[in-house]
Protein backbone atom coordinates (compact mmCIF):
# COMPACT_ATOMS: atom_id res chain seq x y z
CA UNK A 1 -4.08 20.68 2.28
CA UNK A 2 -2.97 18.68 5.30
CA UNK A 3 0.65 18.39 6.32
CA UNK A 4 0.73 14.63 5.96
CA UNK A 5 2.76 12.24 3.84
CA UNK A 6 0.47 10.50 1.35
CA UNK A 7 2.40 7.21 1.44
CA UNK A 8 3.49 6.74 5.05
CA UNK A 9 0.89 8.84 6.85
CA UNK A 10 3.57 10.79 8.72
CA UNK A 11 2.18 13.99 10.20
CA UNK A 12 3.09 16.72 12.67
CA UNK A 13 4.29 15.75 16.14
CA UNK A 14 4.03 17.81 19.30
CA UNK A 15 6.13 18.18 22.41
CA UNK A 16 7.96 20.59 24.65
CA UNK A 17 10.99 22.77 24.10
CA UNK A 18 12.84 22.78 27.41
CA UNK A 19 15.10 25.73 28.19
CA UNK A 20 18.20 25.69 30.40
CA UNK A 21 16.05 27.01 33.26
CA UNK A 22 13.63 24.11 32.67
CA UNK A 23 10.79 26.27 31.28
CA UNK A 24 8.61 24.17 28.99
CA UNK A 25 7.07 25.66 25.86
CA UNK A 26 4.70 23.66 23.67
CA UNK A 27 5.87 23.26 20.07
CA UNK A 28 4.99 21.44 16.90
CA UNK A 29 7.39 19.71 14.50
CA UNK A 30 6.30 19.34 10.89
CA UNK A 31 7.43 16.53 8.58
CA UNK A 32 9.77 17.40 5.72
CA UNK A 33 7.27 17.15 2.84
CA UNK A 34 8.27 17.46 -0.81
CA UNK A 35 6.26 17.39 -4.03
CA UNK A 36 7.51 14.63 -6.32
CA UNK A 37 6.35 13.39 -9.72
CA UNK A 38 6.32 9.65 -10.40
CA UNK A 39 5.38 7.69 -13.50
CA UNK A 40 3.28 4.57 -13.10
CA UNK A 41 4.32 2.62 -16.21
CA UNK A 42 1.73 -0.15 -15.73
CA UNK A 43 -1.13 2.37 -15.93
CA UNK A 44 0.55 4.83 -18.31
CA UNK A 45 0.09 7.89 -16.10
CA UNK A 46 2.15 10.31 -14.06
CA UNK A 47 1.23 11.43 -10.60
CA UNK A 48 2.39 14.27 -8.37
CA UNK A 49 2.39 13.27 -4.72
CA UNK A 50 3.34 15.00 -1.49
CA UNK A 51 5.82 12.76 0.32
CA UNK A 52 8.16 12.94 3.28
CA UNK A 53 11.86 12.60 2.52
CA UNK A 54 11.79 9.31 4.43
CA UNK A 55 9.14 7.99 2.00
CA UNK A 56 11.19 9.15 -1.03
CA UNK A 57 14.19 7.19 0.27
CA UNK A 58 11.98 4.15 0.83
CA UNK A 59 10.64 4.33 -2.74
CA UNK A 60 14.19 4.48 -4.10
CA UNK A 61 15.23 1.52 -1.95
CA UNK A 62 12.24 -0.63 -2.96
CA UNK A 63 12.84 -0.06 -6.66
CA UNK A 64 10.18 2.38 -7.81
CA UNK A 65 6.88 4.00 -6.98
CA UNK A 66 4.68 1.13 -8.17
CA UNK A 67 6.49 -1.47 -6.08
CA UNK A 68 6.53 0.76 -2.99
CA UNK A 69 2.80 1.42 -3.41
CA UNK A 70 2.03 -2.30 -3.64
CA UNK A 71 4.12 -3.07 -0.53
CA UNK A 72 2.68 -0.25 1.59
CA UNK A 73 -0.01 -0.80 4.21
CA UNK A 74 -3.45 0.47 3.22
CA UNK A 75 -4.27 2.18 6.51
CA UNK A 76 -1.48 4.77 5.97
CA UNK A 77 -2.31 5.65 2.34
CA UNK A 78 -4.26 8.71 1.24
CA UNK A 79 -7.52 8.24 -0.66
CA UNK A 80 -5.83 9.00 -4.01
CA UNK A 81 -3.04 6.47 -3.48
CA UNK A 82 -5.46 3.85 -2.16
CA UNK A 83 -7.48 4.18 -5.37
CA UNK A 84 -4.28 4.02 -7.45
CA UNK A 85 -3.12 0.90 -5.58
CA UNK A 86 -6.39 -0.88 -6.34
CA UNK A 87 -6.09 0.07 -10.05
CA UNK A 88 -2.49 -1.16 -10.08
CA UNK A 89 -3.39 -4.50 -8.48
CA UNK A 90 -6.19 -4.94 -11.00
CA UNK A 91 -3.85 -4.17 -13.94
CA UNK A 92 -1.22 -6.62 -12.69
CA UNK A 93 -3.76 -9.44 -12.24
CA UNK A 94 -4.60 -9.42 -15.96
């Protein structure tokens, strides 16, 4: 399983740790990923997703998982959420 947020596409970043003596050591910073369960009322299903804490705050601010999914850009979404977004758009069109 990749260390990537399913909604925002946030992944690990790399850089240098620089000591007081200016020695540079390569390092990797991982995103703060959490497993979270959301209910999609329009489709009548629950889904467990792996999200960064930043994405969880964004979902709360936008008023729910369905709304945040509809407002998100498709190039950042995982395959599962992209499929769910298309189902959600189809259900809301009817």
